Amino acid sequence: MPKQVDHRARRTLIADALFRVAAEQGLEGVSLRHVAAAAEVSTGMVQHYFRTKGEMMTFAMAVVQERQQARITERMGHLGADPGPRLLLRTLLAGVLPLDDESRAYGRVALAFLAYTSVRVEAGGPLREQTRELFGFVTGLVRAGGEAKDPEAAAAGLLATMEGLGVYLLGGHFTPEVALRALDAHLDLIFGPA
């Protein structure tokens, strides 16, 4: 009987290796050879699943997004039956911020992917779609519970604040406490004081 191969598991193994290489060395350290070494598989196996670095990057971005979304969904699930728009939004945005070692690793890779897609527009489609969905969700929460006259502008400002805080956290410019206070202050502008 032929051996059954779980192709999704192998692709995920390779994506995990890419993630480790990118978190430690940046995307410039990512190559088929380096990823194969990190995954402890042959370069040929990596090439079997991904013909190019671009294909590998696209798949790895999707894996990172899935894991990030699963983490945030789990956190939001602990809020109870009716947490309200502000608490949902704070949990979502704080969940994306690189506040601990695991989320910092994700943050470094996410920032590298963002830079990668800014110069390879064709690779950024899934990331742009995710951003559109997130923007729509945040706009809906602002509209449901906020005091903003322009919920779309307020949502865009919140997302920009989150991204900026993330960059400052990754660079060591802000502590997690400072970043969360800044996030709360921005939420106060939209929803009123907590």
C-alpha atoms as a PDB file:
ATOM      1  CA  MET A   1       0.000   0.000   0.000  1.00  0.00           C
ATOM      2  CA  PRO A   2       1.482   3.389  -0.941  1.00  0.00           C
ATOM      3  CA  LYS A   3       2.488   5.675   1.882  1.00  0.00           C
ATOM      4  CA  GLN A   4      -0.087   8.393   2.591  1.00  0.00           C
ATOM      5  CA  VAL A   5       1.439  11.864   2.596  1.00  0.00           C
ATOM      6  CA  ASP A   6      -0.269  14.783   4.314  1.00  0.00           C
ATOM      7  CA  HIS A   7       0.614  17.520   1.853  1.00  0.00           C
ATOM      8  CA  ARG A   8      -0.955  20.292   3.948  1.00  0.00           C
ATOM      9  CA  ALA A   9       1.164  19.201   6.946  1.00  0.00           C
ATOM     10  CA  ARG A  10       4.330  19.232   4.839  1.00  0.00           C
ATOM     11  CA  ARG A  11       3.531  22.642   3.417  1.00  0.00           C
ATOM     12  CA  THR A  12       2.855  23.898   6.960  1.00  0.00           C
ATOM     13  CA  LEU A  13       6.161  22.387   8.170  1.00  0.00           C
ATOM     14  CA  ILE A  14       7.916  24.376   5.457  1.00  0.00           C
ATOM     15  CA  ALA A  15       5.925  27.519   6.295  1.00  0.00           C
ATOM     16  CA  ASP A  16       6.900  27.138   9.971  1.00  0.00           C
ATOM     17  CA  ALA A  17      10.539  26.910   8.952  1.00  0.00           C
ATOM     18  CA  LEU A  18      10.151  30.015   6.791  1.00  0.00           C
ATOM     19  CA  PHE A  19       8.558  31.759   9.762  1.00  0.00           C
ATOM     20  CA  ARG A  20      11.524  30.850  12.013  1.00  0.00           C
ATOM     21  CA  VAL A  21      14.073  31.985   9.438  1.00  0.00           C
ATOM     22  CA  ALA A  22      12.200  35.251   8.835  1.00  0.00           C
ATOM     23  CA  ALA A  23      11.774  35.928  12.581  1.00  0.00           C
ATOM     24  CA  GLU A  24      15.500  35.375  13.209  1.00  0.00           C
ATOM     25  CA  GLN A  25      17.079  36.783  10.033  1.00  0.00           C
ATOM     26  CA  GLY A  26      14.407  38.855   8.314  1.00  0.00           C
ATOM     27  CA  LEU A  27      12.993  38.050   4.907  1.00  0.00           C
ATOM     28  CA  GLU A  28      16.358  38.691   3.285  1.00  0.00           C
ATOM     29  CA  GLY A  29      17.511  35.477   5.015  1.00  0.00           C
ATOM     30  CA  VAL A  30      14.701  33.474   3.456  1.00  0.00           C
ATOM     31  CA  SER A  31      15.743  31.230   0.594  1.00  0.00           C
ATOM     32  CA  LEU A  32      14.623  27.771  -0.479  1.00  0.00           C
ATOM     33  CA  ARG A  33      17.938  26.404   0.857  1.00  0.00           C
ATOM     34  CA  HIS A  34      17.708  28.144   4.256  1.00  0.00           C
ATOM     35  CA  VAL A  35      14.077  27.143   4.709  1.00  0.00           C
ATOM     36  CA  ALA A  36      14.858  23.518   3.781  1.00  0.00           C
ATOM     37  CA  ALA A  37      17.658  23.466   6.366  1.00  0.00           C
ATOM     38  CA  ALA A  38      15.384  24.952   9.050  1.00  0.00           C
ATOM     39  CA  ALA A  39      12.664  22.404   8.211  1.00  0.00           C
ATOM     40  CA  GLU A  40      15.257  19.604   8.141  1.00  0.00           C
ATOM     41  CA  VAL A  41      14.117  18.497   4.696  1.00  0.00           C
ATOM     42  CA  SER A  42      15.759  18.508   1.282  1.00  0.00           C
ATOM     43  CA  THR A  43      15.707  21.534  -0.976  1.00  0.00           C
ATOM     44  CA  GLY A  44      14.028  19.264  -3.514  1.00  0.00           C
ATOM     45  CA  MET A  45      11.144  18.657  -1.136  1.00  0.00           C
ATOM     46  CA  VAL A  46      10.667  22.393  -0.645  1.00  0.00           C
ATOM     47  CA  GLN A  47      10.746  22.876  -4.419  1.00  0.00           C
ATOM     48  CA  HIS A  48       8.186  20.086  -4.826  1.00  0.00           C
ATOM     49  CA  TYR A  49       5.664  22.104  -2.798  1.00  0.00           C
ATOM     50  CA  PHE A  50       6.770  25.610  -3.759  1.00  0.00           C
ATOM     51  CA  ARG A  51       8.269  26.306  -7.165  1.00  0.00           C
ATOM     52  CA  THR A  52       9.396  29.793  -6.158  1.00  0.00           C
ATOM     53  CA  LYS A  53      10.185  31.833  -3.105  1.00  0.00           C
ATOM     54  CA  GLY A  54       7.097  33.921  -3.912  1.00  0.00           C
ATOM     55  CA  GLU A  55       4.799  30.893  -3.703  1.00  0.00           C
ATOM     56  CA  MET A  56       6.382  29.910  -0.407  1.00  0.00           C
ATOM     57  CA  MET A  57       5.980  33.454   0.927  1.00  0.00           C
ATOM     58  CA  THR A  58       2.308  33.609  -0.085  1.00  0.00           C
ATOM     59  CA  PHE A  59       1.545  30.340   1.680  1.00  0.00           C
ATOM     60  CA  ALA A  60       3.515  31.351   4.791  1.00  0.00           C
ATOM     61  CA  MET A  61       1.633  34.674   4.949  1.00  0.00           C
ATOM     62  CA  ALA A  62      -1.638  32.752   4.906  1.00  0.00           C
ATOM     63  CA  VAL A  63      -0.435  30.470   7.731  1.00  0.00           C
ATOM     64  CA  VAL A  64       0.649  33.451   9.854  1.00  0.00           C
ATOM     65  CA  GLN A  65      -2.713  35.162   9.256  1.00  0.00           C
ATOM     66  CA  GLU A  66      -4.643  32.005  10.190  1.00  0.00           C
ATOM     67  CA  ARG A  67      -2.702  31.600  13.428  1.00  0.00           C
ATOM     68  CA  GLN A  68      -3.046  35.244  14.365  1.00  0.00           C
ATOM     69  CA  GLN A  69      -6.769  35.105  13.692  1.00  0.00           C
ATOM     70  CA  ALA A  70      -7.106  31.929  15.783  1.00  0.00           C
ATOM     71  CA  ARG A  71      -5.289  33.598  18.718  1.00  0.00           C
ATOM     72  CA  ILE A  72      -7.515  36.660  18.572  1.00  0.00           C
ATOM     73  CA  THR A  73     -10.691  34.618  18.126  1.00  0.00           C
ATOM     74  CA  GLU A  74      -9.776  32.613  21.220  1.00  0.00           C
ATOM     75  CA  ARG A  75      -9.227  35.801  23.238  1.00  0.00           C
ATOM     76  CA  MET A  76     -12.496  37.273  22.051  1.00  0.00           C
ATOM     77  CA  GLY A  77     -14.263  34.038  22.964  1.00  0.00           C
ATOM     78  CA  HIS A  78     -13.350  34.600  26.618  1.00  0.00           C
ATOM     79  CA  LEU A  79     -15.240  37.909  26.742  1.00  0.00           C
ATOM     80  CA  GLY A  80     -18.636  36.392  27.393  1.00  0.00           C
ATOM     81  CA  ALA A  81     -21.951  36.581  25.603  1.00  0.00           C
ATOM     82  CA  ASP A  82     -22.260  40.343  25.003  1.00  0.00           C
ATOM     83  CA  PRO A  83     -18.980  42.184  25.587  1.00  0.00           C
ATOM     84  CA  GLY A  84     -19.919  45.387  23.778  1.00  0.00           C
ATOM     85  CA  PRO A  85     -18.186  47.048  20.812  1.00  0.00           C
ATOM     86  CA  ARG A  86     -15.452  48.843  22.753  1.00  0.00           C
ATOM     87  CA  LEU A  87     -14.287  45.748  24.648  1.00  0.00           C
ATOM     88  CA  LEU A  88     -14.390  43.655  21.473  1.00  0.00           C
ATOM     89  CA  LEU A  89     -12.346  46.264  19.660  1.00  0.00           C
ATOM     90  CA  ARG A  90      -9.808  46.638  22.456  1.00  0.00           C
ATOM     91  CA  THR A  91      -9.376  42.874  22.674  1.00  0.00           C
ATOM     92  CA  LEU A  92      -8.920  42.636  18.919  1.00  0.00           C
ATOM     93  CA  LEU A  93      -6.419  45.475  18.644  1.00  0.00           C
ATOM     94  CA  ALA A  94      -4.460  44.509  21.764  1.00  0.00           C
ATOM     95  CA  GLY A  95      -4.366  40.954  20.442  1.00  0.00           C
ATOM     96  CA  VAL A  96      -2.595  42.129  17.313  1.00  0.00           C
ATOM     97  CA  LEU A  97      -0.028  44.237  19.180  1.00  0.00           C
ATOM     98  CA  PRO A  98       3.342  42.567  19.794  1.00  0.00           C
ATOM     99  CA  LEU A  99       3.133  42.592  23.592  1.00  0.00           C
ATOM    100  CA  ASP A 100       4.866  39.276  24.413  1.00  0.00           C
ATOM    101  CA  ASP A 101       7.557  37.040  22.912  1.00  0.00           C
ATOM    102  CA  GLU A 102       5.186  35.015  20.730  1.00  0.00           C
ATOM    103  CA  SER A 103       3.350  38.025  19.351  1.00  0.00           C
ATOM    104  CA  ARG A 104       6.666  39.867  18.807  1.00  0.00           C
ATOM    105  CA  ALA A 105       7.840  36.993  16.589  1.00  0.00           C
ATOM    106  CA  TYR A 106       4.569  37.202  14.647  1.00  0.00           C
ATOM    107  CA  GLY A 107       4.888  40.982  14.534  1.00  0.00           C
ATOM    108  CA  ARG A 108       8.394  40.906  13.086  1.00  0.00           C
ATOM    109  CA  VAL A 109       7.323  38.487  10.390  1.00  0.00           C
ATOM    110  CA  ALA A 110       4.087  40.380   9.670  1.00  0.00           C
ATOM    111  CA  LEU A 111       6.039  43.623   9.289  1.00  0.00           C
ATOM    112  CA  ALA A 112       8.486  41.895   6.956  1.00  0.00           C
ATOM    113  CA  PHE A 113       5.567  40.506   4.912  1.00  0.00           C
ATOM    114  CA  LEU A 114       4.027  43.963   4.714  1.00  0.00           C
ATOM    115  CA  ALA A 115       7.306  45.355   3.377  1.00  0.00           C
ATOM    116  CA  TYR A 116       7.573  42.406   0.981  1.00  0.00           C
ATOM    117  CA  THR A 117       4.101  43.031  -0.461  1.00  0.00           C
ATOM    118  CA  SER A 118       4.734  46.759  -0.783  1.00  0.00           C
ATOM    119  CA  VAL A 119       7.317  46.057  -3.501  1.00  0.00           C
ATOM    120  CA  ARG A 120       5.652  42.895  -4.861  1.00  0.00           C
ATOM    121  CA  VAL A 121       2.106  44.116  -5.304  1.00  0.00           C
ATOM    122  CA  GLU A 122       0.961  40.831  -6.858  1.00  0.00           C
ATOM    123  CA  ALA A 123       1.810  38.980  -3.616  1.00  0.00           C
ATOM    124  CA  GLY A 124      -0.234  41.353  -1.472  1.00  0.00           C
ATOM    125  CA  GLY A 125      -3.730  40.399  -2.612  1.00  0.00           C
ATOM    126  CA  PRO A 126      -4.566  38.176   0.369  1.00  0.00           C
ATOM    127  CA  LEU A 127      -3.136  40.750   2.795  1.00  0.00           C
ATOM    128  CA  ARG A 128      -5.175  43.548   1.216  1.00  0.00           C
ATOM    129  CA  GLU A 129      -8.309  41.402   1.417  1.00  0.00           C
ATOM    130  CA  GLN A 130      -7.661  40.688   5.093  1.00  0.00           C
ATOM    131  CA  THR A 131      -7.168  44.402   5.714  1.00  0.00           C
ATOM    132  CA  ARG A 132     -10.459  45.214   3.967  1.00  0.00           C
ATOM    133  CA  GLU A 133     -12.276  42.663   6.142  1.00  0.00           C
ATOM    134  CA  LEU A 134     -10.641  43.979   9.309  1.00  0.00           C
ATOM    135  CA  PHE A 135     -11.459  47.566   8.342  1.00  0.00           C
ATOM    136  CA  GLY A 136     -15.099  46.619   7.771  1.00  0.00           C
ATOM    137  CA  PHE A 137     -15.300  44.824  11.112  1.00  0.00           C
ATOM    138  CA  VAL A 138     -13.693  47.711  13.019  1.00  0.00           C
ATOM    139  CA  THR A 139     -15.922  50.239  11.239  1.00  0.00           C
ATOM    140  CA  GLY A 140     -18.989  48.223  12.262  1.00  0.00           C
ATOM    141  CA  LEU A 141     -17.896  48.195  15.916  1.00  0.00           C
ATOM    142  CA  VAL A 142     -17.206  51.938  15.866  1.00  0.00           C
ATOM    143  CA  ARG A 143     -20.587  52.563  14.262  1.00  0.00           C
ATOM    144  CA  ALA A 144     -22.335  50.303  16.833  1.00  0.00           C
ATOM    145  CA  GLY A 145     -20.936  51.880  19.954  1.00  0.00           C
ATOM    146  CA  GLY A 146     -18.823  54.891  19.199  1.00  0.00           C
ATOM    147  CA  GLU A 147     -19.477  58.584  19.159  1.00  0.00           C
ATOM    148  CA  ALA A 148     -17.521  59.264  15.965  1.00  0.00           C
ATOM    149  CA  LYS A 149     -19.187  61.394  13.317  1.00  0.00           C
ATOM    150  CA  ASP A 150     -17.252  59.496  10.644  1.00  0.00           C
ATOM    151  CA  PRO A 151     -16.941  55.822  11.692  1.00  0.00           C
ATOM    152  CA  GLU A 152     -14.800  54.927   8.664  1.00  0.00           C
ATOM    153  CA  ALA A 153     -12.261  57.641   9.441  1.00  0.00           C
ATOM    154  CA  ALA A 154     -12.251  56.641  13.115  1.00  0.00           C
ATOM    155  CA  ALA A 155     -11.723  52.978  12.166  1.00  0.00           C
ATOM    156  CA  ALA A 156      -8.874  53.905   9.811  1.00  0.00           C
ATOM    157  CA  GLY A 157      -7.302  55.944  12.620  1.00  0.00           C
ATOM    158  CA  LEU A 158      -7.586  53.024  15.036  1.00  0.00           C
ATOM    159  CA  LEU A 159      -5.944  50.631  12.600  1.00  0.00           C
ATOM    160  CA  ALA A 160      -3.182  53.140  11.862  1.00  0.00           C
ATOM    161  CA  THR A 161      -2.685  53.638  15.602  1.00  0.00           C
ATOM    162  CA  MET A 162      -2.435  49.884  16.124  1.00  0.00           C
ATOM    163  CA  GLU A 163       0.098  49.508  13.294  1.00  0.00           C
ATOM    164  CA  GLY A 164       2.182  52.435  14.546  1.00  0.00           C
ATOM    165  CA  LEU A 165       2.158  51.157  18.106  1.00  0.00           C
ATOM    166  CA  GLY A 166       3.212  47.748  16.782  1.00  0.00           C
ATOM    167  CA  VAL A 167       6.209  49.229  14.982  1.00  0.00           C
ATOM    168  CA  TYR A 168       7.245  51.185  18.083  1.00  0.00           C
ATOM    169  CA  LEU A 169       6.883  48.068  20.238  1.00  0.00           C
ATOM    170  CA  LEU A 170       8.955  45.969  17.835  1.00  0.00           C
ATOM    171  CA  GLY A 171      11.662  48.633  17.798  1.00  0.00           C
ATOM    172  CA  GLY A 172      11.744  48.792  21.587  1.00  0.00           C
ATOM    173  CA  HIS A 173      10.632  52.434  21.626  1.00  0.00           C
ATOM    174  CA  PHE A 174       7.497  51.783  23.708  1.00  0.00           C
ATOM    175  CA  THR A 175       6.800  49.381  26.519  1.00  0.00           C
ATOM    176  CA  PRO A 176       3.627  47.284  26.383  1.00  0.00           C
ATOM    177  CA  GLU A 177       2.159  49.461  29.150  1.00  0.00           C
ATOM    178  CA  VAL A 178       2.709  52.675  27.198  1.00  0.00           C
ATOM    179  CA  ALA A 179       1.250  51.120  24.034  1.00  0.00           C
ATOM    180  CA  LEU A 180      -1.880  49.897  25.830  1.00  0.00           C
ATOM    181  CA  ARG A 181      -2.388  53.300  27.481  1.00  0.00           C
ATOM    182  CA  ALA A 182      -2.119  54.952  24.056  1.00  0.00           C
ATOM    183  CA  LEU A 183      -4.605  52.467  22.605  1.00  0.00           C
ATOM    184  CA  ASP A 184      -7.026  53.100  25.465  1.00  0.00           C
ATOM    185  CA  ALA A 185      -6.674  56.867  25.021  1.00  0.00           C
ATOM    186  CA  HIS A 186      -7.516  56.530  21.338  1.00  0.00           C
ATOM    187  CA  LEU A 187     -10.518  54.342  22.155  1.00  0.00           C
ATOM    188  CA  ASP A 188     -11.637  57.000  24.668  1.00  0.00           C
ATOM    189  CA  LEU A 189     -11.693  59.541  21.839  1.00  0.00           C
ATOM    190  CA  ILE A 190     -14.106  57.342  19.896  1.00  0.00           C
ATOM    191  CA  PHE A 191     -16.203  55.680  22.598  1.00  0.00           C
ATOM    192  CA  GLY A 192     -15.832  58.100  25.491  1.00  0.00           C
ATOM    193  CA  PRO A 193     -14.008  57.204  28.723  1.00  0.00           C
ATOM    194  CA  ALA A 194     -14.222  53.515  29.720  1.00  0.00           C
END
